[in-house]
Amino acid sequence: MTRVLFVEGRDETALRSFALELVRPWRLLARPEQGLFLLEVTQPGEETERAAAALASVRAWTFDVVGEHPGG
């Protein structure tokens, strides 16, 4: 089963720095009008989930993918 970690915060530099240390695929999304950033990490592993939860001034959630459209 695929797991996806989402880390939401306002400090782009901190989220990018955290992401650059990861070995798993990630994307950093921005909502400029709100000054909000969302880091998405695929198959993060428990250690990454704990590290994300410990970051200052962020909210972190991990979800299991239970359905997916093949795209196209």
Protein backbone atom coordinates (compact mmCIF):
# COMPACT_ATOMS: atom_id res chain seq x y z
CA MET A 1 0.00 0.00 0.00
CA THR A 2 1.27 3.46 -0.90
CA ARG A 3 1.57 6.06 1.87
CA VAL A 4 1.81 9.80 1.30
CA LEU A 5 3.07 12.35 3.84
CA PHE A 6 1.90 15.96 3.66
CA VAL A 7 3.73 18.68 5.59
CA GLU A 8 2.11 22.13 5.61
CA GLY A 9 3.90 25.29 6.65
CA ARG A 10 4.74 28.89 5.82
CA ASP A 11 8.54 28.59 5.75
CA GLU A 12 9.47 27.53 2.21
CA THR A 13 13.18 27.41 3.04
CA ALA A 14 12.67 25.03 5.97
CA LEU A 15 10.40 22.71 4.00
CA ARG A 16 12.76 22.70 1.01
CA SER A 17 15.74 22.00 3.27
CA PHE A 18 13.90 19.07 4.88
CA ALA A 19 12.89 17.74 1.44
CA LEU A 20 16.40 17.92 0.00
CA GLU A 21 17.58 15.45 2.66
CA LEU A 22 14.97 12.87 1.66
CA VAL A 23 15.69 9.88 -0.56
CA ARG A 24 12.01 9.37 -1.43
CA PRO A 25 10.11 11.20 -4.22
CA TRP A 26 8.68 14.54 -3.11
CA ARG A 27 6.95 17.66 -4.46
CA LEU A 28 6.76 21.13 -2.92
CA LEU A 29 3.53 22.95 -3.68
CA ALA A 30 2.89 26.67 -3.13
CA ARG A 31 -0.17 28.80 -2.50
CA PRO A 32 1.48 32.25 -2.85
CA GLU A 33 -1.63 34.30 -2.08
CA GLN A 34 -1.75 32.65 1.37
CA GLY A 35 2.01 32.28 1.92
CA LEU A 36 1.43 28.56 2.36
CA PHE A 37 3.55 25.60 1.24
CA LEU A 38 2.76 21.90 1.16
CA LEU A 39 5.42 19.23 0.94
CA GLU A 40 4.22 15.88 -0.44
CA VAL A 41 6.41 12.82 0.14
CA THR A 42 5.64 9.37 -1.31
CA GLN A 43 6.41 6.31 0.83
CA PRO A 44 8.05 8.39 3.58
CA GLY A 45 8.84 5.70 6.14
CA GLU A 46 8.27 6.01 9.88
CA GLU A 47 11.49 7.91 10.54
CA THR A 48 10.58 10.61 8.01
CA GLU A 49 7.05 10.83 9.42
CA ARG A 50 8.45 11.39 12.93
CA ALA A 51 10.99 13.95 11.69
CA ALA A 52 8.27 15.88 9.85
CA ALA A 53 6.03 15.91 12.93
CA ALA A 54 8.92 17.35 14.96
CA LEU A 55 9.51 20.31 12.62
CA ALA A 56 8.63 23.68 14.11
CA SER A 57 5.50 25.51 12.95
CA VAL A 58 4.17 22.84 10.59
CA ARG A 59 1.27 20.44 10.44
CA ALA A 60 1.96 16.93 9.15
CA TRP A 61 -0.39 14.15 8.05
CA THR A 62 0.19 10.73 6.53
CA PHE A 63 -2.44 9.05 4.39
CA ASP A 64 -2.76 5.61 2.82
CA VAL A 65 -3.75 5.67 -0.85
CA VAL A 66 -6.99 3.69 -1.08
CA GLY A 67 -7.94 4.58 -4.67
CA GLU A 68 -6.20 5.99 -7.68
CA HIS A 69 -7.11 6.88 -11.29
CA PRO A 70 -4.53 5.57 -13.78
CA GLY A 71 -4.21 9.03 -15.38
CA GLY A 72 -4.19 10.04 -18.97
